[in-house]
Amino acid sequence: MNIGRGYNCNEQDLVEALKDETIAGAVLDVFEEEPLSKDSELWQLKNVLITPHSSDNESNHAWFDRALAIFKENLSRFKKNEQLVNLCDKQAGY
């Protein structure tokens, strides 16, 4: 998971590691160049979750409380094999 700075990760090496499954997956909020190019291979990889550049949201203190509430709800649902809330589905485009 990279929510720090895009230059902390070599994207081409990451793409190769994801393609050959050296690593199982990646969650990315930042990139070497922003915005991420429409041509980037990262968009096509099934084991990548791309989030809007908003992970560091210190200016909104209520964000953490809301995120924790969603996590707790999803953990409960996951244990019951129920549908999760705020599910990201790359195939569906959301």
C-alpha atoms as a PDB file:
ATOM      1  CA  MET A   1       0.000   0.000   0.000  1.00  0.00           C
ATOM      2  CA  ASN A   2       1.446   3.342  -0.980  1.00  0.00           C
ATOM      3  CA  ILE A   3      -0.242   6.461   0.371  1.00  0.00           C
ATOM      4  CA  GLY A   4       2.977   8.393   0.896  1.00  0.00           C
ATOM      5  CA  ARG A   5       4.805   9.687  -2.143  1.00  0.00           C
ATOM      6  CA  GLY A   6       4.707   8.209  -5.624  1.00  0.00           C
ATOM      7  CA  TYR A   7       8.449   8.385  -6.083  1.00  0.00           C
ATOM      8  CA  ASN A   8       8.912   5.950  -3.169  1.00  0.00           C
ATOM      9  CA  CYS A   9       7.971   3.120  -5.508  1.00  0.00           C
ATOM     10  CA  ASN A  10       9.362   2.253  -8.925  1.00  0.00           C
ATOM     11  CA  GLU A  11       6.125   1.730 -10.858  1.00  0.00           C
ATOM     12  CA  GLN A  12       7.639  -0.387 -13.633  1.00  0.00           C
ATOM     13  CA  ASP A  13       9.167  -2.768 -11.080  1.00  0.00           C
ATOM     14  CA  LEU A  14       5.819  -2.840  -9.272  1.00  0.00           C
ATOM     15  CA  VAL A  15       3.951  -3.672 -12.492  1.00  0.00           C
ATOM     16  CA  GLU A  16       6.341  -6.557 -13.208  1.00  0.00           C
ATOM     17  CA  ALA A  17       6.062  -7.886  -9.632  1.00  0.00           C
ATOM     18  CA  LEU A  18       2.265  -7.756  -9.850  1.00  0.00           C
ATOM     19  CA  LYS A  19       2.183  -9.436 -13.268  1.00  0.00           C
ATOM     20  CA  ASP A  20       4.410 -12.328 -12.218  1.00  0.00           C
ATOM     21  CA  GLU A  21       2.728 -12.453  -8.785  1.00  0.00           C
ATOM     22  CA  THR A  22       5.931 -11.845  -6.857  1.00  0.00           C
ATOM     23  CA  ILE A  23       3.543  -9.797  -4.746  1.00  0.00           C
ATOM     24  CA  ALA A  24      -0.161 -10.587  -4.488  1.00  0.00           C
ATOM     25  CA  GLY A  25      -1.535  -7.093  -4.888  1.00  0.00           C
ATOM     26  CA  ALA A  26      -1.181  -3.376  -4.386  1.00  0.00           C
ATOM     27  CA  VAL A  27      -3.323  -0.492  -3.159  1.00  0.00           C
ATOM     28  CA  LEU A  28      -2.108   2.800  -4.603  1.00  0.00           C
ATOM     29  CA  ASP A  29      -3.092   6.351  -3.750  1.00  0.00           C
ATOM     30  CA  VAL A  30      -0.019   8.072  -5.234  1.00  0.00           C
ATOM     31  CA  PHE A  31       2.062   7.608  -8.360  1.00  0.00           C
ATOM     32  CA  GLU A  32       5.420   8.613  -9.845  1.00  0.00           C
ATOM     33  CA  GLU A  33       3.556  11.056 -12.100  1.00  0.00           C
ATOM     34  CA  GLU A  34       0.122  12.392 -11.293  1.00  0.00           C
ATOM     35  CA  PRO A  35      -2.442  12.087 -12.481  1.00  0.00           C
ATOM     36  CA  LEU A  36      -1.801   8.478 -13.425  1.00  0.00           C
ATOM     37  CA  SER A  37      -1.651   8.168 -17.207  1.00  0.00           C
ATOM     38  CA  LYS A  38      -4.669   6.575 -18.879  1.00  0.00           C
ATOM     39  CA  ASP A  39      -2.146   4.308 -20.606  1.00  0.00           C
ATOM     40  CA  SER A  40      -0.652   2.979 -17.370  1.00  0.00           C
ATOM     41  CA  GLU A  41      -0.658  -0.817 -17.079  1.00  0.00           C
ATOM     42  CA  LEU A  42      -1.734  -0.400 -13.459  1.00  0.00           C
ATOM     43  CA  TRP A  43      -5.307   0.334 -14.603  1.00  0.00           C
ATOM     44  CA  GLN A  44      -5.541  -3.107 -16.246  1.00  0.00           C
ATOM     45  CA  LEU A  45      -4.141  -5.281 -13.463  1.00  0.00           C
ATOM     46  CA  LYS A  46      -6.759  -7.229 -11.512  1.00  0.00           C
ATOM     47  CA  ASN A  47      -4.614  -7.288  -8.375  1.00  0.00           C
ATOM     48  CA  VAL A  48      -4.405  -3.481  -8.061  1.00  0.00           C
ATOM     49  CA  LEU A  49      -6.769  -1.118  -6.288  1.00  0.00           C
ATOM     50  CA  ILE A  50      -6.353   2.536  -7.241  1.00  0.00           C
ATOM     51  CA  THR A  51      -7.827   5.108  -4.886  1.00  0.00           C
ATOM     52  CA  PRO A  52      -8.272   8.849  -5.274  1.00  0.00           C
ATOM     53  CA  HIS A  53      -5.427  10.908  -3.864  1.00  0.00           C
ATOM     54  CA  SER A  54      -7.169  11.378  -0.525  1.00  0.00           C
ATOM     55  CA  SER A  55      -5.737   8.845   1.924  1.00  0.00           C
ATOM     56  CA  ASP A  56      -3.985  11.502   3.986  1.00  0.00           C
ATOM     57  CA  ASN A  57      -7.022  13.386   5.145  1.00  0.00           C
ATOM     58  CA  GLU A  58      -5.771  15.002   8.340  1.00  0.00           C
ATOM     59  CA  SER A  59      -7.789  18.145   7.694  1.00  0.00           C
ATOM     60  CA  ASN A  60     -11.010  16.192   8.176  1.00  0.00           C
ATOM     61  CA  HIS A  61     -10.817  14.625  11.635  1.00  0.00           C
ATOM     62  CA  ALA A  62     -14.222  12.976  11.271  1.00  0.00           C
ATOM     63  CA  TRP A  63     -12.829  10.958   8.353  1.00  0.00           C
ATOM     64  CA  PHE A  64     -11.080   8.451  10.626  1.00  0.00           C
ATOM     65  CA  ASP A  65     -14.206   7.853  12.707  1.00  0.00           C
ATOM     66  CA  ARG A  66     -16.274   7.243   9.552  1.00  0.00           C
ATOM     67  CA  ALA A  67     -13.616   4.976   8.053  1.00  0.00           C
ATOM     68  CA  LEU A  68     -13.387   2.964  11.279  1.00  0.00           C
ATOM     69  CA  ALA A  69     -17.170   2.577  11.409  1.00  0.00           C
ATOM     70  CA  ILE A  70     -17.198   1.270   7.824  1.00  0.00           C
ATOM     71  CA  PHE A  71     -14.332  -1.112   8.610  1.00  0.00           C
ATOM     72  CA  LYS A  72     -16.165  -2.490  11.668  1.00  0.00           C
ATOM     73  CA  GLU A  73     -19.367  -2.920   9.670  1.00  0.00           C
ATOM     74  CA  ASN A  74     -17.526  -4.696   6.870  1.00  0.00           C
ATOM     75  CA  LEU A  75     -15.673  -6.958   9.288  1.00  0.00           C
ATOM     76  CA  SER A  76     -18.983  -8.008  10.805  1.00  0.00           C
ATOM     77  CA  ARG A  77     -20.484  -8.580   7.354  1.00  0.00           C
ATOM     78  CA  PHE A  78     -17.393 -10.473   6.165  1.00  0.00           C
ATOM     79  CA  LYS A  79     -17.631 -12.865   9.114  1.00  0.00           C
ATOM     80  CA  LYS A  80     -21.284 -13.550   8.170  1.00  0.00           C
ATOM     81  CA  ASN A  81     -20.452 -13.882   4.450  1.00  0.00           C
ATOM     82  CA  GLU A  82     -22.676 -10.874   3.679  1.00  0.00           C
ATOM     83  CA  GLN A  83     -22.189  -8.211   1.008  1.00  0.00           C
ATOM     84  CA  LEU A  84     -19.743  -5.486   2.067  1.00  0.00           C
ATOM     85  CA  VAL A  85     -20.557  -1.772   2.072  1.00  0.00           C
ATOM     86  CA  ASN A  86     -18.563   0.687  -0.079  1.00  0.00           C
ATOM     87  CA  LEU A  87     -17.305  -2.151  -2.227  1.00  0.00           C
ATOM     88  CA  CYS A  88     -14.934  -1.149  -5.028  1.00  0.00           C
ATOM     89  CA  ASP A  89     -15.539  -3.103  -8.221  1.00  0.00           C
ATOM     90  CA  LYS A  90     -13.097  -2.349 -11.040  1.00  0.00           C
ATOM     91  CA  GLN A  91     -15.096  -4.489 -13.484  1.00  0.00           C
ATOM     92  CA  ALA A  92     -18.242  -2.462 -12.850  1.00  0.00           C
ATOM     93  CA  GLY A  93     -16.325   0.807 -12.956  1.00  0.00           C
ATOM     94  CA  TYR A  94     -16.838   1.905  -9.339  1.00  0.00           C
END
